[in-house]
Amino acid sequence: MTLAGRVQRVRIGALTGGVAAVATVLALVVACGTDASAPVAAPGPVPEAPPAPEAQVAGATEVRPGVTADLEARLRGAVFELRSSACGFDRQGTVSLVDLGGGPMALTNRHVVAGASSAQVVVPDGSLLDVPVAGAVRGRDAASLDAAGIGGATAALAAAPTPLVGDEVVVAGFPDGRFVADAGRVVAVEQRADDGGDVTVLLVDVPAAGGVSGGVVVDTAGRAVGLVAASDPDSGYAVAYPFTVLAAPLEDDLPGC
């Protein structure tokens, strides 16, 4: 399990000229993918809080205020629900079509497709496409599927440089199997422990519910800036890899259990 560990948070810098130089190392439990067989603890009392802004809900869709209709349409063409069955588990997550400069890639998290040679992509009409798993990104909780089996090059979101702290972004994915596009901000750019060593991640003040693993973070122009990989254990916010750290080659073997 990646992006996990138990170490103290340490401030090692400050913001200078609008560029974040704050790095943090802390514990993280990967909790974005859903596991149908895992026990779920009963929720405790929740303190009262001011009501959240009313969301626009239509069927199995939730689009928060701040997400334009044009951006929502672009995200719907590049972000899909993903299902896999392997290692005795049924998993549900998200797969995102992104162009990192070498053509479209279909990216999700390693833990969503662990042990699977293929996964099922849910297309807009509700039908399922069986798509091969191409491999896992070395040292990261990320995996690639066969993009040709999902959508054309026009659907892929162009990648952009790593955002700065305070930048407005949108997180899109399929928590609990429903499409959600949620606006927020980058609240930290941090260093965290990963299987491949310390890695830069984004912390976005958008809740990361089960099933959003493999979802995409985009800027206000609709360019992809991050791949959701986990939920922060303290805040519940989305933790995402900037795409600059996912340029590592794929491993020779498919992601194991």
Foldseek 3Di string as FASTA:
>chain_A
DWLADADFWDFDDQDDPQFDPTATEHGFDFAAKDWPPDDDDDDDDDDDDPDDPDWDDDVLETERPPQDPVLVVLQLLFKWKKWEDAPNTTIIAMWGWACAPPATWTKFFQVRQAHHQWIWTQHPVRDTFTWGWPFAQPQGRMTTIDVVRRDHRVSHAYADEADHFFAKKWWWIQAVHGTYIHIWTFHDFYWYQTSNGTATKTWTLDARHHHHTNIFIAGPVNHTQWGFGRAGPPRNTTITHGCVVRPGDGDPDHRHD
